[in-house]
Protein backbone atom coordinates (compact mmCIF):
# COMPACT_ATOMS: atom_id res chain seq x y z
CA UNK A 1 0.00 0.00 0.00
CA UNK A 2 2.82 2.39 0.82
CA UNK A 3 4.47 1.66 -2.53
CA UNK A 4 1.19 2.30 -4.37
CA UNK A 5 0.69 5.59 -2.56
CA UNK A 6 4.23 6.69 -3.45
CA UNK A 7 3.61 5.86 -7.11
CA UNK A 8 0.50 8.04 -7.13
CA UNK A 9 2.41 10.92 -5.59
CA UNK A 10 5.23 10.65 -8.14
CA UNK A 11 2.78 10.45 -11.00
CA UNK A 12 0.86 13.57 -9.98
CA UNK A 13 3.63 15.76 -8.60
CA UNK A 14 6.07 18.01 -10.47
CA UNK A 15 8.97 15.94 -9.20
CA UNK A 16 7.70 12.61 -10.45
CA UNK A 17 8.74 11.16 -13.76
CA UNK A 18 5.94 8.60 -14.03
CA UNK A 19 3.81 10.78 -16.32
CA UNK A 20 6.49 11.28 -18.95
CA UNK A 21 5.45 9.81 -22.26
CA UNK A 22 2.10 8.53 -20.99
CA UNK A 23 -1.16 9.29 -22.72
CA UNK A 24 -2.73 11.08 -19.74
CA UNK A 25 0.22 12.82 -18.09
CA UNK A 26 0.41 16.32 -16.71
CA UNK A 27 2.04 19.46 -18.02
CA UNK A 28 2.83 22.15 -15.46
CA UNK A 29 2.36 25.79 -16.39
CA UNK A 30 5.29 27.82 -15.08
CA UNK A 31 5.05 31.59 -14.81
CA UNK A 32 8.10 33.49 -16.02
CA UNK A 33 8.94 34.95 -12.59
CA UNK A 34 8.08 31.94 -10.38
CA UNK A 35 10.86 29.63 -9.24
CA UNK A 36 8.63 26.58 -9.38
CA UNK A 37 8.92 23.34 -7.39
CA UNK A 38 12.23 21.85 -6.31
CA UNK A 39 14.60 24.49 -7.71
CA UNK A 40 18.25 23.63 -8.24
CA UNK A 41 19.47 27.10 -7.22
CA UNK A 42 18.23 30.53 -6.36
CA UNK A 43 17.21 32.71 -9.25
CA UNK A 44 19.90 34.20 -11.46
CA UNK A 45 17.44 36.02 -13.75
CA UNK A 46 17.75 39.79 -14.01
CA UNK A 47 15.11 41.42 -11.84
CA UNK A 48 14.71 44.40 -14.18
CA UNK A 49 14.35 42.31 -17.32
CA UNK A 50 11.57 43.55 -19.57
CA UNK A 51 9.36 40.89 -21.06
CA UNK A 52 9.39 40.90 -24.84
CA UNK A 53 6.05 40.70 -26.64
CA UNK A 54 5.21 37.32 -28.13
CA UNK A 55 6.82 36.41 -31.42
CA UNK A 56 4.66 36.41 -34.54
CA UNK A 57 4.12 32.75 -35.28
CA UNK A 58 1.68 31.00 -37.63
CA UNK A 59 -1.56 29.61 -36.17
CA UNK A 60 -1.44 26.01 -35.03
CA UNK A 61 -3.81 23.29 -33.97
CA UNK A 62 -4.24 22.42 -30.33
CA UNK A 63 -3.45 18.75 -30.90
CA UNK A 64 0.30 19.17 -31.04
CA UNK A 65 2.89 21.88 -30.45
CA UNK A 66 4.65 23.18 -33.53
CA UNK A 67 8.41 22.87 -33.81
CA UNK A 68 10.35 26.07 -34.43
CA UNK A 69 14.03 26.00 -35.33
CA UNK A 70 16.33 27.44 -32.69
CA UNK A 71 17.95 29.64 -35.33
CA UNK A 72 14.69 31.46 -36.17
CA UNK A 73 15.31 35.25 -36.02
CA UNK A 74 13.14 36.86 -33.37
CA UNK A 75 12.41 33.63 -31.51
CA UNK A 76 14.21 35.16 -28.52
CA UNK A 77 14.13 38.58 -26.95
CA UNK A 78 16.40 40.48 -24.59
CA UNK A 79 18.03 43.76 -23.75
CA UNK A 80 20.95 44.96 -25.80
CA UNK A 81 24.25 44.95 -23.89
CA UNK A 82 22.65 43.21 -20.90
CA UNK A 83 22.30 39.50 -20.17
CA UNK A 84 18.96 38.12 -19.04
CA UNK A 85 20.77 35.72 -16.66
CA UNK A 86 23.84 35.99 -14.47
CA UNK A 87 25.89 33.12 -15.85
CA UNK A 88 28.77 33.49 -13.42
CA UNK A 89 26.39 33.49 -10.46
CA UNK A 90 24.89 30.26 -11.75
CA UNK A 91 28.37 28.74 -11.91
CA UNK A 92 29.05 29.78 -8.31
CA UNK A 93 25.73 28.38 -7.04
CA UNK A 94 26.32 24.91 -8.48
CA UNK A 95 30.01 24.84 -7.62
CA UNK A 96 29.14 25.50 -3.96
CA UNK A 97 26.87 22.41 -3.82
CA UNK A 98 28.58 19.34 -5.30
CA UNK A 99 25.46 17.16 -5.11
CA UNK A 100 23.45 19.61 -7.19
CA UNK A 101 26.36 20.10 -9.55
CA UNK A 102 26.58 16.33 -10.09
CA UNK A 103 22.82 16.04 -10.61
CA UNK A 104 22.91 18.88 -13.11
CA UNK A 105 25.76 17.20 -14.98
CA UNK A 106 23.92 13.86 -15.11
CA UNK A 107 20.87 15.49 -16.70
CA UNK A 108 22.94 17.26 -19.36
CA UNK A 109 25.13 14.22 -20.05
CA UNK A 110 28.42 15.84 -19.10
CA UNK A 111 30.95 15.36 -16.33
CA UNK A 112 30.66 17.33 -13.10
CA UNK A 113 33.92 19.14 -13.83
CA UNK A 114 32.59 20.37 -17.19
CA UNK A 115 29.56 22.18 -15.72
CA UNK A 116 31.21 25.64 -15.44
CA UNK A 117 32.54 25.47 -19.00
CA UNK A 118 29.17 24.24 -20.27
CA UNK A 119 27.27 27.08 -18.59
CA UNK A 120 29.65 29.68 -20.02
CA UNK A 121 29.05 28.28 -23.51
CA UNK A 122 25.33 29.09 -23.28
CA UNK A 123 23.68 32.36 -24.36
CA UNK A 124 21.33 34.16 -21.92
CA UNK A 125 18.09 35.22 -23.68
CA UNK A 126 14.33 35.44 -23.11
CA UNK A 127 11.59 33.28 -24.59
CA UNK A 128 9.11 35.07 -26.85
CA UNK A 129 6.67 32.17 -27.08
CA UNK A 130 5.18 29.78 -24.55
CA UNK A 131 7.53 26.82 -24.85
CA UNK A 132 7.19 23.12 -23.99
CA UNK A 133 10.18 21.53 -22.25
CA UNK A 134 11.12 18.74 -19.90
CA UNK A 135 12.03 20.46 -16.64
CA UNK A 136 14.19 18.93 -13.92
CA UNK A 137 14.00 19.77 -10.24
CA UNK A 138 16.27 18.68 -7.39
CA UNK A 139 14.95 16.60 -4.50
CA UNK A 140 16.60 14.24 -2.02
CA UNK A 141 20.00 14.45 -3.66
CA UNK A 142 18.91 13.65 -7.22
CA UNK A 143 17.19 15.22 -10.20
CA UNK A 144 13.44 14.90 -10.79
CA UNK A 145 11.63 15.14 -14.11
CA UNK A 146 8.35 16.72 -15.21
CA UNK A 147 6.79 18.21 -18.31
CA UNK A 148 6.28 21.96 -18.32
CA UNK A 149 5.26 24.96 -20.41
CA UNK A 150 7.46 27.99 -19.80
CA UNK A 151 5.74 31.34 -20.19
CA UNK A 152 6.93 33.77 -22.85
CA UNK A 153 9.35 36.18 -21.17
CA UNK A 154 11.10 33.45 -19.17
CA UNK A 155 14.85 34.01 -18.88
CA UNK A 156 16.77 31.01 -20.20
CA UNK A 157 20.25 29.97 -21.29
CA UNK A 158 20.36 28.70 -24.87
CA UNK A 159 22.84 26.25 -26.39
CA UNK A 160 24.62 26.45 -29.73
CA UNK A 161 21.66 24.93 -31.58
CA UNK A 162 19.23 27.50 -30.21
CA UNK A 163 17.56 25.19 -27.65
CA UNK A 164 16.87 26.43 -24.08
CA UNK A 165 18.93 24.40 -21.58
CA UNK A 166 18.67 26.26 -18.25
CA UNK A 167 15.76 28.09 -16.64
CA UNK A 168 17.39 31.00 -14.83
CA UNK A 169 14.60 31.59 -12.27
CA UNK A 170 15.44 28.24 -10.61
CA UNK A 171 18.69 27.02 -12.18
CA UNK A 172 16.94 23.88 -13.43
CA UNK A 173 18.37 22.03 -16.42
CA UNK A 174 16.02 21.68 -19.41
CA UNK A 175 15.79 18.93 -22.00
CA UNK A 176 13.55 18.15 -24.96
CA UNK A 177 9.86 17.64 -24.13
CA UNK A 178 8.23 14.21 -24.10
CA UNK A 179 5.20 13.95 -26.43
CA UNK A 180 1.89 13.27 -24.69
CA UNK A 181 -1.43 12.53 -26.36
CA UNK A 182 -3.88 14.25 -24.02
CA UNK A 183 -1.95 15.89 -21.17
CA UNK A 184 -3.71 17.68 -18.34
CA UNK A 185 -2.44 21.14 -17.48
CA UNK A 186 -1.64 22.00 -13.88
CA UNK A 187 -1.11 25.49 -12.59
CA UNK A 188 -2.64 28.90 -13.16
CA UNK A 189 -2.77 29.95 -16.83
CA UNK A 190 -1.43 33.43 -17.50
CA UNK A 191 -3.19 36.04 -19.55
CA UNK A 192 -2.98 35.15 -23.22
CA UNK A 193 -2.13 31.49 -22.64
CA UNK A 194 -3.42 29.28 -25.45
CA UNK A 195 -2.44 25.69 -26.05
CA UNK A 196 -2.52 26.34 -29.80
CA UNK A 197 0.29 28.90 -29.40
CA UNK A 198 2.74 26.66 -27.51
CA UNK A 199 5.91 25.80 -29.43
CA UNK A 200 8.73 23.30 -29.18
CA UNK A 201 12.19 24.61 -30.03
CA UNK A 202 13.92 22.18 -32.39
CA UNK A 203 17.73 22.13 -32.61
CA UNK A 204 19.05 24.08 -35.56
CA UNK A 205 20.68 21.96 -38.26
CA UNK A 206 23.78 24.15 -37.95
CA UNK A 207 25.45 25.95 -35.07
CA UNK A 208 23.91 29.35 -34.41
CA UNK A 209 26.86 31.71 -34.34
CA UNK A 210 24.73 34.86 -34.02
CA UNK A 211 21.23 35.23 -32.57
CA UNK A 212 18.95 37.92 -34.01
CA UNK A 213 17.21 39.22 -30.88
CA UNK A 214 14.29 41.60 -30.37
CA UNK A 215 14.67 44.37 -27.78
CA UNK A 216 11.27 45.49 -26.44
CA UNK A 217 12.62 48.61 -24.73
CA UNK A 218 12.84 50.65 -27.92
CA UNK A 219 11.35 48.22 -30.44
CA UNK A 220 14.73 47.47 -31.99
CA UNK A 221 16.82 44.46 -32.99
CA UNK A 222 20.36 43.45 -32.13
CA UNK A 223 22.77 40.61 -32.86
CA UNK A 224 24.26 38.59 -30.01
CA UNK A 225 27.05 36.11 -30.59
CA UNK A 226 26.72 32.59 -29.31
CA UNK A 227 28.06 32.35 -25.76
CA UNK A 228 28.16 36.14 -25.27
CA UNK A 229 26.51 37.85 -22.29
CA UNK A 230 25.79 41.10 -24.12
CA UNK A 231 29.17 42.81 -24.07
CA UNK A 232 29.55 42.57 -27.85
CA UNK A 233 25.94 43.13 -28.93
CA UNK A 234 25.48 45.15 -32.12
CA UNK A 235 22.34 46.67 -33.65
CA UNK A 236 21.03 44.77 -36.64
CA UNK A 237 18.18 45.32 -39.10
CA UNK A 238 14.93 43.49 -38.37
CA UNK A 239 14.50 40.17 -40.12
CA UNK A 240 12.63 40.31 -43.42
CA UNK A 241 9.02 39.15 -43.43
CA UNK A 242 8.33 35.65 -44.75
CA UNK A 243 8.26 35.63 -48.56
CA UNK A 244 4.84 35.54 -50.15
CA UNK A 245 4.36 33.97 -53.53
CA UNK A 246 1.78 35.35 -55.91
CA UNK A 247 0.94 33.60 -59.19
CA UNK A 248 2.61 35.37 -62.08
CA UNK A 249 0.83 35.44 -65.42
CA UNK A 250 3.49 37.36 -67.27
CA UNK A 251 6.50 35.90 -69.01
CA UNK A 252 9.47 37.17 -70.91
CA UNK A 253 9.19 37.36 -74.71
CA UNK A 254 11.53 34.38 -75.06
CA UNK A 255 9.37 32.17 -72.87
CA UNK A 256 5.92 33.56 -73.55
CA UNK A 257 3.34 30.95 -74.47
CA UNK A 258 0.50 33.26 -75.46
CA UNK A 259 0.16 35.89 -78.18
CA UNK A 260 1.01 39.40 -77.09
CA UNK A 261 -1.98 41.61 -77.75
CA UNK A 262 -1.92 45.26 -76.73
CA UNK A 263 -5.06 47.43 -76.54
CA UNK A 264 -4.21 48.80 -79.97
CA UNK A 265 -3.56 45.35 -81.46
CA UNK A 266 -6.53 43.30 -82.69
CA UNK A 267 -6.82 39.68 -81.71
CA UNK A 268 -5.25 37.47 -84.43
CA UNK A 269 -7.78 35.99 -86.81
CA UNK A 270 -7.79 33.22 -89.41
CA UNK A 271 -9.77 32.71 -92.55
CA UNK A 272 -12.09 29.72 -92.26
CA UNK A 273 -12.91 27.64 -95.33
CA UNK A 274 -15.76 25.16 -95.54
CA UNK A 275 -16.65 23.66 -92.19
CA UNK A 276 -13.11 23.77 -90.79
CA UNK A 277 -12.95 25.07 -87.22
CA UNK A 278 -9.85 27.11 -86.38
CA UNK A 279 -7.81 25.51 -83.62
CA UNK A 280 -7.51 27.49 -80.36
CA UNK A 281 -4.26 29.35 -79.65
CA UNK A 282 -3.38 28.87 -75.97
CA UNK A 283 -7.04 28.66 -75.05
CA UNK A 284 -8.07 31.65 -77.25
CA UNK A 285 -10.20 30.79 -80.27
CA UNK A 286 -9.32 33.13 -83.19
CA UNK A 287 -12.20 34.95 -84.80
CA UNK A 288 -12.81 34.69 -88.56
CA UNK A 289 -11.06 37.36 -90.60
CA UNK A 290 -13.01 39.59 -92.98
CA UNK A 291 -12.95 38.71 -96.64
CA UNK A 292 -10.56 41.51 -97.49
CA UNK A 293 -7.82 43.36 -95.66
CA UNK A 294 -8.62 46.70 -94.16
CA UNK A 295 -7.08 49.75 -95.87
CA UNK A 296 -4.74 50.22 -92.91
CA UNK A 297 -3.13 46.84 -93.60
CA UNK A 298 -1.43 48.19 -96.72
CA UNK A 299 0.66 50.51 -94.57
CA UNK A 300 1.87 47.92 -92.06
CA UNK A 301 5.52 47.85 -91.17
CA UNK A 302 7.79 45.82 -93.45
CA UNK A 303 8.88 43.87 -90.38
CA UNK A 304 5.43 42.25 -90.23
CA UNK A 305 5.35 41.37 -93.94
CA UNK A 306 6.47 37.89 -94.86
CA UNK A 307 9.42 37.57 -97.24
CA UNK A 308 8.49 37.57 -100.91
CA UNK A 309 8.48 34.05 -102.28
CA UNK A 310 8.59 33.10 -105.97
CA UNK A 311 5.19 32.59 -107.57
CA UNK A 312 3.87 29.09 -107.23
CA UNK A 313 2.37 27.98 -110.52
CA UNK A 314 0.86 24.81 -109.12
CA UNK A 315 -2.66 24.49 -110.58
CA UNK A 316 -3.90 22.84 -107.34
CA UNK A 317 -3.14 25.96 -105.36
CA UNK A 318 -4.22 28.85 -107.52
CA UNK A 319 -5.58 28.79 -111.07
CA UNK A 320 -6.76 32.37 -111.25
CA UNK A 321 -4.94 34.70 -113.67
CA UNK A 322 -2.31 36.83 -112.01
CA UNK A 323 -3.33 40.32 -111.12
CA UNK A 324 -1.36 42.69 -113.28
CA UNK A 325 -2.73 45.85 -111.77
CA UNK A 326 -0.11 48.61 -111.76
CA UNK A 327 -1.08 49.45 -108.19
CA UNK A 328 -0.18 45.94 -107.10
CA UNK A 329 3.08 45.91 -109.02
CA UNK A 330 4.29 49.13 -107.39
CA UNK A 331 3.29 48.35 -103.81
CA UNK A 332 5.47 46.54 -101.27
CA UNK A 333 4.81 42.82 -100.74
CA UNK A 334 2.05 42.32 -98.21
CA UNK A 335 0.49 39.39 -96.41
CA UNK A 336 -2.63 39.07 -98.51
CA UNK A 337 -5.37 36.44 -98.82
CA UNK A 338 -5.36 34.04 -101.74
CA UNK A 339 -8.21 34.28 -104.22
CA UNK A 340 -9.95 30.99 -104.83
CA UNK A 341 -10.45 30.06 -108.49
CA UNK A 342 -14.16 29.40 -108.07
CA UNK A 343 -15.71 32.32 -106.29
CA UNK A 344 -12.84 34.74 -105.52
CA UNK A 345 -13.08 34.29 -101.75
CA UNK A 346 -10.14 33.96 -99.39
CA UNK A 347 -8.96 30.39 -98.82
CA UNK A 348 -5.75 30.86 -96.78
CA UNK A 349 -5.01 32.20 -93.32
CA UNK A 350 -4.17 35.85 -92.90
CA UNK A 351 -3.36 38.09 -89.95
CA UNK A 352 -4.77 41.57 -89.76
CA UNK A 353 -2.70 42.65 -86.79
CA UNK A 354 0.20 45.06 -86.31
CA UNK A 355 3.86 44.06 -86.30
CA UNK A 356 3.75 43.20 -82.60
CA UNK A 357 1.62 40.12 -83.37
CA UNK A 358 3.31 37.38 -85.34
CA UNK A 359 1.33 36.32 -88.42
CA UNK A 360 -0.15 32.88 -88.06
CA UNK A 361 -1.48 30.54 -90.74
CA UNK A 362 -3.25 27.22 -90.15
CA UNK A 363 -1.79 24.07 -91.68
CA UNK A 364 -2.52 23.67 -95.38
CA UNK A 365 -5.04 20.91 -95.88
CA UNK A 366 -4.82 20.72 -99.67
CA UNK A 367 -1.69 18.61 -99.62
CA UNK A 368 0.36 21.28 -101.34
CA UNK A 369 3.99 21.42 -100.26
CA UNK A 370 5.07 24.72 -98.75
CA UNK A 371 8.25 26.60 -99.40
CA UNK A 372 10.62 25.69 -96.56
CA UNK A 373 12.42 29.00 -96.86
CA UNK A 374 9.27 30.89 -95.93
CA UNK A 375 8.20 28.73 -92.97
CA UNK A 376 8.05 30.96 -89.89
CA UNK A 377 9.08 29.94 -86.40
CA UNK A 378 6.50 28.01 -84.36
CA UNK A 379 3.65 30.20 -83.19
CA UNK A 380 2.94 31.13 -79.59
CA UNK A 381 1.03 27.91 -79.08
CA UNK A 382 4.00 25.84 -80.20
CA UNK A 383 2.25 24.58 -83.34
CA UNK A 384 4.55 24.74 -86.42
CA UNK A 385 2.04 26.42 -88.68
CA UNK A 386 3.53 26.81 -92.19
CA UNK A 387 2.84 29.82 -94.34
CA UNK A 388 1.06 28.93 -97.54
CA UNK A 389 3.50 29.07 -100.48
CA UNK A 390 1.43 31.25 -102.79
CA UNK A 391 2.33 34.52 -104.47
CA UNK A 392 1.74 37.50 -102.28
CA UNK A 393 -0.61 39.95 -103.90
CA UNK A 394 -2.65 42.85 -102.63
CA UNK A 395 -6.28 42.89 -103.80
CA UNK A 396 -7.64 46.12 -105.06
CA UNK A 397 -9.67 47.94 -102.48
């Protein structure tokens, strides 16, 4: 019976380790200024330390604490040129009590003689988010273990990976928290406490040589070197906000996949013959072109006119007599429709757009071979539309 009663006490007290890792364990809420149960030493936290406002962190679910890398800029706060903890005082406290020094060393996995050097390698800072840890008290000559949430503003000593390792208000060593499915909280919640805002500090993948720290006194930022107590702090710009990605619909001319149409440029059109349906160009269905070119087309820039190709005398392409009009002979070669031999209507593709829009022609379906020297580059849609190899003529308007 006595053994059973002791087990219950250990399971439900801050000093007991029976709840660690269990599905229904307890997590103790520890106020930033309170020493808490079974402290290792007296407080070494600065009495005039100003609590930094909480860090801006993304929303989380209440089912599990979110891990935050120890190298995250702004995860910690502090006062420039002043340490949040008295590291040397902490060394003196533990050195004066060998049993506590040995218990501290056993928790951290180091030898008792290495405790002073280990403490001096840590960086005194302040938490800016409520943080889950495994806390260790000292009772009856040995270390105890319990799960805890440290309030934002708690003075801690941080290791080279950005993980808090000592709570300065009690001198307790800290280790990584033990996951629990549905823990019960014990203690008085502070204003603003929310289980969905509790974080777990994950070790940085690399050593943190410089911490970017927020100073709440004058809303500024400073850089503190790893292991420094504030004597070499330097102002630093605030960290940039997280990058936001917005979908971009524009592309460079060399990689564009859609026709460039300015307000002054008409949408490219094609001449439709029979029941043929013009294929869409990047999701845009071209509209049918008028039977004849507009008068303004005769003055288009030479850069938009296709190169003059030798007349094709193939009877399958064009059997109408050549137009010998003097006006046509004297004008510059233009991209003009082809006159069908039966009714004089246009039977080839044409583009009535300015020079900024590349002329497009649908694939010839009459089986007539096209002149390879006049084949333009693939159109914006990627389709290698060939220009019809017919003589370029300008109809009389």
